[in-house]
C-alpha atoms as a PDB file:
ATOM      1  CA  MET A   1     144.748 194.715 122.165  1.00  0.00           C
ATOM      2  CA  ALA A   2     148.144 196.416 122.361  1.00  0.00           C
ATOM      3  CA  GLU A   3     146.734 198.791 124.957  1.00  0.00           C
ATOM      4  CA  ILE A   4     145.583 195.877 127.112  1.00  0.00           C
ATOM      5  CA  PHE A   5     149.029 194.252 126.953  1.00  0.00           C
ATOM      6  CA  GLU A   6     150.609 197.562 127.922  1.00  0.00           C
ATOM      7  CA  LYS A   7     148.287 197.851 130.909  1.00  0.00           C
ATOM      8  CA  ILE A   8     149.063 194.267 131.919  1.00  0.00           C
ATOM      9  CA  LEU A   9     152.758 195.155 131.931  1.00  0.00           C
ATOM     10  CA  GLN A  10     152.083 198.303 133.947  1.00  0.00           C
ATOM     11  CA  ALA A  11     149.974 196.343 136.423  1.00  0.00           C
ATOM     12  CA  TRP A  12     152.714 193.730 136.766  1.00  0.00           C
ATOM     13  CA  GLN A  13     155.278 196.411 137.500  1.00  0.00           C
ATOM     14  CA  ALA A  14     152.979 198.113 140.021  1.00  0.00           C
ATOM     15  CA  GLN A  15     151.738 195.034 141.835  1.00  0.00           C
ATOM     16  CA  SER A  16     152.699 194.147 145.374  1.00  0.00           C
ATOM     17  CA  ASN A  17     154.632 191.085 146.433  1.00  0.00           C
ATOM     18  CA  TRP A  18     151.427 189.653 147.887  1.00  0.00           C
ATOM     19  CA  GLU A  19     149.702 189.841 144.518  1.00  0.00           C
ATOM     20  CA  VAL A  20     152.598 188.012 142.885  1.00  0.00           C
ATOM     21  CA  ILE A  21     152.380 185.297 145.520  1.00  0.00           C
ATOM     22  CA  ALA A  22     148.606 185.002 145.044  1.00  0.00           C
ATOM     23  CA  VAL A  23     148.986 184.582 141.279  1.00  0.00           C
ATOM     24  CA  ILE A  24     151.715 181.958 141.685  1.00  0.00           C
ATOM     25  CA  LEU A  25     149.647 180.063 144.243  1.00  0.00           C
ATOM     26  CA  GLY A  26     146.596 180.244 141.977  1.00  0.00           C
ATOM     27  CA  VAL A  27     148.514 178.595 139.155  1.00  0.00           C
ATOM     28  CA  ALA A  28     150.025 176.072 141.572  1.00  0.00           C
ATOM     29  CA  TYR A  29     146.529 175.116 142.728  1.00  0.00           C
ATOM     30  CA  LEU A  30     145.417 174.157 139.231  1.00  0.00           C
ATOM     31  CA  VAL A  31     148.646 172.370 138.328  1.00  0.00           C
ATOM     32  CA  LEU A  32     148.425 170.289 141.499  1.00  0.00           C
ATOM     33  CA  ALA A  33     144.685 169.661 140.983  1.00  0.00           C
ATOM     34  CA  ILE A  34     145.391 168.347 137.482  1.00  0.00           C
ATOM     35  CA  ARG A  35     147.789 165.857 139.092  1.00  0.00           C
ATOM     36  CA  GLN A  36     145.189 165.008 141.768  1.00  0.00           C
ATOM     37  CA  ASN A  37     147.679 166.146 144.385  1.00  0.00           C
ATOM     38  CA  ASN A  38     146.015 167.028 147.693  1.00  0.00           C
ATOM     39  CA  TRP A  39     148.437 169.924 148.187  1.00  0.00           C
ATOM     40  CA  CYS A  40     146.348 171.850 145.658  1.00  0.00           C
ATOM     41  CA  TRP A  41     143.920 172.734 148.459  1.00  0.00           C
ATOM     42  CA  TYR A  42     146.671 174.339 150.547  1.00  0.00           C
ATOM     43  CA  ALA A  43     147.620 176.500 147.568  1.00  0.00           C
ATOM     44  CA  ALA A  44     143.953 177.336 146.955  1.00  0.00           C
ATOM     45  CA  PHE A  45     143.408 178.422 150.558  1.00  0.00           C
ATOM     46  CA  ALA A  46     146.447 180.705 150.604  1.00  0.00           C
ATOM     47  CA  SER A  47     145.720 182.220 147.190  1.00  0.00           C
ATOM     48  CA  THR A  48     142.087 183.058 147.932  1.00  0.00           C
ATOM     49  CA  ALA A  49     142.989 184.485 151.332  1.00  0.00           C
ATOM     50  CA  ILE A  50     145.193 187.025 149.553  1.00  0.00           C
ATOM     51  CA  PHE A  51     142.736 187.745 146.740  1.00  0.00           C
ATOM     52  CA  SER A  52     139.647 188.074 148.951  1.00  0.00           C
ATOM     53  CA  TRP A  53     140.098 191.777 149.678  1.00  0.00           C
ATOM     54  CA  LEU A  54     140.972 192.744 146.092  1.00  0.00           C
ATOM     55  CA  PHE A  55     137.527 192.263 144.580  1.00  0.00           C
ATOM     56  CA  TRP A  56     135.769 194.107 147.375  1.00  0.00           C
ATOM     57  CA  ASP A  57     138.047 197.068 146.740  1.00  0.00           C
ATOM     58  CA  VAL A  58     136.866 197.325 143.112  1.00  0.00           C
ATOM     59  CA  SER A  59     133.145 196.768 143.896  1.00  0.00           C
ATOM     60  CA  LEU A  60     132.899 193.207 142.590  1.00  0.00           C
ATOM     61  CA  LEU A  61     130.789 192.179 145.551  1.00  0.00           C
ATOM     62  CA  MET A  62     129.881 188.706 144.369  1.00  0.00           C
ATOM     63  CA  GLU A  63     133.482 187.921 143.484  1.00  0.00           C
ATOM     64  CA  SER A  64     134.531 189.027 146.946  1.00  0.00           C
ATOM     65  CA  ALA A  65     131.958 186.740 148.551  1.00  0.00           C
ATOM     66  CA  LEU A  66     133.082 183.943 146.246  1.00  0.00           C
ATOM     67  CA  ASN A  67     136.574 184.014 147.697  1.00  0.00           C
ATOM     68  CA  VAL A  68     135.213 183.487 151.191  1.00  0.00           C
ATOM     69  CA  TYR A  69     133.453 180.410 149.819  1.00  0.00           C
ATOM     70  CA  TYR A  70     136.723 179.270 148.224  1.00  0.00           C
ATOM     71  CA  LEU A  71     138.383 179.343 151.627  1.00  0.00           C
ATOM     72  CA  VAL A  72     135.732 177.009 153.019  1.00  0.00           C
ATOM     73  CA  MET A  73     135.861 174.749 149.956  1.00  0.00           C
ATOM     74  CA  ALA A  74     139.641 174.467 150.188  1.00  0.00           C
ATOM     75  CA  VAL A  75     139.161 172.820 153.573  1.00  0.00           C
ATOM     76  CA  TYR A  76     136.287 170.649 152.334  1.00  0.00           C
ATOM     77  CA  GLY A  77     138.151 169.653 149.166  1.00  0.00           C
ATOM     78  CA  TRP A  78     141.181 168.585 151.162  1.00  0.00           C
ATOM     79  CA  TRP A  79     138.965 166.418 153.376  1.00  0.00           C
ATOM     80  CA  ALA A  80     136.915 164.983 150.486  1.00  0.00           C
ATOM     81  CA  TRP A  81     139.924 163.938 148.428  1.00  0.00           C
ATOM     82  CA  LYS A  82     141.431 162.118 151.409  1.00  0.00           C
ATOM     83  CA  HIS A  83     138.325 160.794 153.191  1.00  0.00           C
ATOM     84  CA  GLY A  84     135.368 161.177 150.799  1.00  0.00           C
ATOM     85  CA  ASN A  85     135.589 157.691 149.289  1.00  0.00           C
ATOM     86  CA  ALA A  86     133.312 154.959 150.615  1.00  0.00           C
ATOM     87  CA  ASP A  87     136.409 152.786 150.634  1.00  0.00           C
ATOM     88  CA  ALA A  88     138.398 154.464 153.382  1.00  0.00           C
ATOM     89  CA  THR A  89     141.621 152.803 152.217  1.00  0.00           C
ATOM     90  CA  GLN A  90     141.621 154.685 148.883  1.00  0.00           C
ATOM     91  CA  ASP A  91     141.473 158.309 147.809  1.00  0.00           C
ATOM     92  CA  LEU A  92     138.355 159.703 146.145  1.00  0.00           C
ATOM     93  CA  PRO A  93     138.144 158.445 142.523  1.00  0.00           C
ATOM     94  CA  ILE A  94     137.250 160.553 139.490  1.00  0.00           C
ATOM     95  CA  GLN A  95     133.541 160.342 138.627  1.00  0.00           C
ATOM     96  CA  THR A  96     131.240 161.619 135.881  1.00  0.00           C
ATOM     97  CA  TRP A  97     127.759 163.126 136.109  1.00  0.00           C
ATOM     98  CA  GLY A  98     124.829 162.272 133.875  1.00  0.00           C
ATOM     99  CA  LEU A  99     122.507 164.510 131.876  1.00  0.00           C
ATOM    100  CA  LYS A 100     120.078 164.915 134.784  1.00  0.00           C
ATOM    101  CA  GLN A 101     122.757 166.207 137.140  1.00  0.00           C
ATOM    102  CA  HIS A 102     124.161 168.602 134.542  1.00  0.00           C
ATOM    103  CA  SER A 103     120.669 169.903 133.783  1.00  0.00           C
ATOM    104  CA  VAL A 104     120.212 170.678 137.472  1.00  0.00           C
ATOM    105  CA  VAL A 105     123.569 172.477 137.543  1.00  0.00           C
ATOM    106  CA  ILE A 106     122.789 174.644 134.509  1.00  0.00           C
ATOM    107  CA  ALA A 107     119.258 175.486 135.683  1.00  0.00           C
ATOM    108  CA  SER A 108     120.542 176.352 139.167  1.00  0.00           C
ATOM    109  CA  VAL A 109     123.307 178.624 137.881  1.00  0.00           C
ATOM    110  CA  LEU A 110     120.946 180.522 135.570  1.00  0.00           C
ATOM    111  CA  SER A 111     118.221 180.900 138.218  1.00  0.00           C
ATOM    112  CA  LEU A 112     120.648 182.105 140.877  1.00  0.00           C
ATOM    113  CA  THR A 113     122.294 184.453 138.370  1.00  0.00           C
ATOM    114  CA  PHE A 114     119.042 186.234 137.547  1.00  0.00           C
ATOM    115  CA  LEU A 115     118.002 186.403 141.212  1.00  0.00           C
ATOM    116  CA  SER A 116     121.251 187.769 142.617  1.00  0.00           C
ATOM    117  CA  GLY A 117     121.815 189.971 139.548  1.00  0.00           C
ATOM    118  CA  TRP A 118     118.441 191.605 140.099  1.00  0.00           C
ATOM    119  CA  LEU A 119     119.048 192.007 143.848  1.00  0.00           C
ATOM    120  CA  LEU A 120     122.450 193.586 143.250  1.00  0.00           C
ATOM    121  CA  THR A 121     121.003 195.935 140.636  1.00  0.00           C
ATOM    122  CA  GLU A 122     118.210 197.075 142.936  1.00  0.00           C
ATOM    123  CA  ASN A 123     120.142 197.318 146.208  1.00  0.00           C
ATOM    124  CA  THR A 124     123.840 197.931 145.542  1.00  0.00           C
ATOM    125  CA  GLY A 125     126.238 199.771 143.310  1.00  0.00           C
ATOM    126  CA  ALA A 126     127.762 196.526 142.041  1.00  0.00           C
ATOM    127  CA  VAL A 127     129.361 196.657 138.589  1.00  0.00           C
ATOM    128  CA  MET A 128     128.094 194.293 135.844  1.00  0.00           C
ATOM    129  CA  PRO A 129     125.897 192.495 138.400  1.00  0.00           C
ATOM    130  CA  TYR A 130     124.529 189.791 136.096  1.00  0.00           C
ATOM    131  CA  LEU A 131     127.894 188.777 134.646  1.00  0.00           C
ATOM    132  CA  ASP A 132     129.404 188.999 138.134  1.00  0.00           C
ATOM    133  CA  SER A 133     126.628 186.746 139.435  1.00  0.00           C
ATOM    134  CA  PHE A 134     126.993 184.264 136.572  1.00  0.00           C
ATOM    135  CA  THR A 135     130.714 183.748 137.114  1.00  0.00           C
ATOM    136  CA  THR A 136     130.200 183.585 140.870  1.00  0.00           C
ATOM    137  CA  TRP A 137     127.434 180.986 140.984  1.00  0.00           C
ATOM    138  CA  GLY A 138     129.081 178.988 138.234  1.00  0.00           C
ATOM    139  CA  SER A 139     132.321 178.951 140.183  1.00  0.00           C
ATOM    140  CA  VAL A 140     130.494 177.978 143.381  1.00  0.00           C
ATOM    141  CA  ILE A 141     129.032 174.852 141.819  1.00  0.00           C
ATOM    142  CA  THR A 142     132.096 173.992 139.745  1.00  0.00           C
ATOM    143  CA  THR A 143     134.404 174.229 142.760  1.00  0.00           C
ATOM    144  CA  TYR A 144     132.176 171.695 144.484  1.00  0.00           C
ATOM    145  CA  MET A 145     132.563 169.492 141.402  1.00  0.00           C
ATOM    146  CA  VAL A 146     136.345 169.713 141.745  1.00  0.00           C
ATOM    147  CA  ALA A 147     136.072 168.753 145.417  1.00  0.00           C
ATOM    148  CA  ARG A 148     134.058 165.665 144.402  1.00  0.00           C
ATOM    149  CA  LYS A 149     136.417 164.949 141.458  1.00  0.00           C
ATOM    150  CA  VAL A 150     133.696 165.273 138.816  1.00  0.00           C
ATOM    151  CA  LEU A 151     135.422 165.014 135.433  1.00  0.00           C
ATOM    152  CA  GLU A 152     133.251 167.611 133.685  1.00  0.00           C
ATOM    153  CA  ASN A 153     134.315 170.385 136.058  1.00  0.00           C
ATOM    154  CA  TRP A 154     137.068 171.304 133.598  1.00  0.00           C
ATOM    155  CA  LEU A 155     134.551 172.017 130.835  1.00  0.00           C
ATOM    156  CA  TYR A 156     132.489 174.247 133.111  1.00  0.00           C
ATOM    157  CA  TRP A 157     135.602 176.201 134.029  1.00  0.00           C
ATOM    158  CA  GLN A 158     136.149 177.013 130.347  1.00  0.00           C
ATOM    159  CA  VAL A 159     132.814 178.833 130.264  1.00  0.00           C
ATOM    160  CA  PHE A 160     133.059 180.654 133.581  1.00  0.00           C
ATOM    161  CA  ASN A 161     136.718 181.668 133.270  1.00  0.00           C
ATOM    162  CA  SER A 162     136.055 183.067 129.784  1.00  0.00           C
ATOM    163  CA  CYS A 163     133.288 185.255 131.229  1.00  0.00           C
ATOM    164  CA  ALA A 164     135.510 186.236 134.146  1.00  0.00           C
ATOM    165  CA  ILE A 165     138.153 187.550 131.745  1.00  0.00           C
ATOM    166  CA  VAL A 166     135.617 190.015 130.340  1.00  0.00           C
ATOM    167  CA  LEU A 167     134.636 191.059 133.851  1.00  0.00           C
ATOM    168  CA  TYR A 168     138.197 191.631 135.046  1.00  0.00           C
ATOM    169  CA  ILE A 169     139.279 193.547 131.955  1.00  0.00           C
ATOM    170  CA  ASP A 170     136.297 195.863 132.461  1.00  0.00           C
ATOM    171  CA  ARG A 171     137.489 196.488 136.029  1.00  0.00           C
ATOM    172  CA  GLU A 172     141.092 196.928 134.804  1.00  0.00           C
ATOM    173  CA  LEU A 173     142.245 193.917 136.817  1.00  0.00           C
ATOM    174  CA  TYR A 174     144.536 192.898 134.014  1.00  0.00           C
ATOM    175  CA  LEU A 175     146.752 190.548 135.960  1.00  0.00           C
ATOM    176  CA  VAL A 176     143.750 188.626 137.253  1.00  0.00           C
ATOM    177  CA  ALA A 177     142.381 188.509 133.694  1.00  0.00           C
ATOM    178  CA  LEU A 178     145.727 187.120 132.546  1.00  0.00           C
ATOM    179  CA  LEU A 179     145.542 184.521 135.312  1.00  0.00           C
ATOM    180  CA  MET A 180     142.098 183.473 134.048  1.00  0.00           C
ATOM    181  CA  ALA A 181     143.552 183.102 130.545  1.00  0.00           C
ATOM    182  CA  VAL A 182     146.221 180.792 131.962  1.00  0.00           C
ATOM    183  CA  TYR A 183     143.432 178.913 133.757  1.00  0.00           C
ATOM    184  CA  LEU A 184     141.703 178.354 130.399  1.00  0.00           C
ATOM    185  CA  VAL A 185     144.766 176.551 129.089  1.00  0.00           C
ATOM    186  CA  LEU A 186     145.270 174.586 132.291  1.00  0.00           C
ATOM    187  CA  ALA A 187     141.578 173.606 132.396  1.00  0.00           C
ATOM    188  CA  MET A 188     141.932 171.976 128.980  1.00  0.00           C
ATOM    189  CA  VAL A 189     145.048 170.161 130.173  1.00  0.00           C
ATOM    190  CA  GLY A 190     143.096 169.120 133.274  1.00  0.00           C
ATOM    191  CA  TRP A 191     140.231 167.753 131.161  1.00  0.00           C
ATOM    192  CA  LEU A 192     142.586 165.658 129.044  1.00  0.00           C
ATOM    193  CA  ARG A 193     144.585 164.423 132.045  1.00  0.00           C
ATOM    194  CA  TRP A 194     141.535 163.530 134.186  1.00  0.00           C
ATOM    195  CA  ARG A 195     139.761 161.866 131.258  1.00  0.00           C
ATOM    196  CA  SER A 196     142.810 159.670 130.719  1.00  0.00           C
ATOM    197  CA  ASP A 197     143.040 158.910 134.437  1.00  0.00           C
ATOM    198  CA  TYR A 198     139.307 158.121 134.529  1.00  0.00           C
ATOM    199  CA  LYS A 199     139.661 155.602 131.701  1.00  0.00           C
ATOM    200  CA  GLN A 200     142.639 153.952 133.395  1.00  0.00           C
ATOM    201  CA  GLN A 201     140.810 153.938 136.719  1.00  0.00           C
ATOM    202  CA  ASN A 202     137.772 152.197 135.209  1.00  0.00           C
ATOM    203  CA  SER A 203     139.827 149.682 133.239  1.00  0.00           C
ATOM    204  CA  ALA A 204     141.679 148.758 136.435  1.00  0.00           C
ATOM    205  CA  GLU A 205     138.512 148.125 138.436  1.00  0.00           C
ATOM    206  CA  PRO A 206     137.393 144.925 136.614  1.00  0.00           C
ATOM    207  CA  ALA A 207     140.936 143.567 136.885  1.00  0.00           C
ATOM    208  CA  CYS A 208     140.936 144.182 140.634  1.00  0.00           C
ATOM    209  CA  ALA A 209     137.499 142.580 140.965  1.00  0.00           C
ATOM    210  CA  ALA A 210     138.663 139.493 139.017  1.00  0.00           C
ATOM    211  CA  ALA A 211     141.716 139.157 141.219  1.00  0.00           C
END
């Protein structure tokens, strides 16, 4: 453990200004998302634009492709939060998914993980292809859940970010691993904050209807 902390310090000292900016923007994205602030998508776009080349450089092919997806989802998320509600006069509300929808999510992530993991193993020199695939496909679906303001997205992030920490430490991307650890804490804060907002949102709806 002490060796990992020492390498994190060394990586921090050796990193470029762009990496520092990307880390700061990555944290800003989550903090703003927790507050349901639409500026989170601007921070997400800028952060992933900087990070996109990093994973390719260390042969995490799926993670590299994931960042291209993040760029697209940053645009979609911005639009959905502002214009995705059926009531055009209000922003998109927080929603929850039922057991059927979550079953589809879990089955899809596992199926895609085994498929892409096998393809990467057979056709590329990708490192830890199955774990790489799992975090990638999980992040793909969970980012969509954020864009649609699905409450349970924060619980999914706990699983996928935990796995990503293992992946990044293996690749000696210690600063990115540290960022994922920060994300774990923020995801729990996000869950508690959105759950509270969801309850307030639902309790306000009957009052509005009665008025």
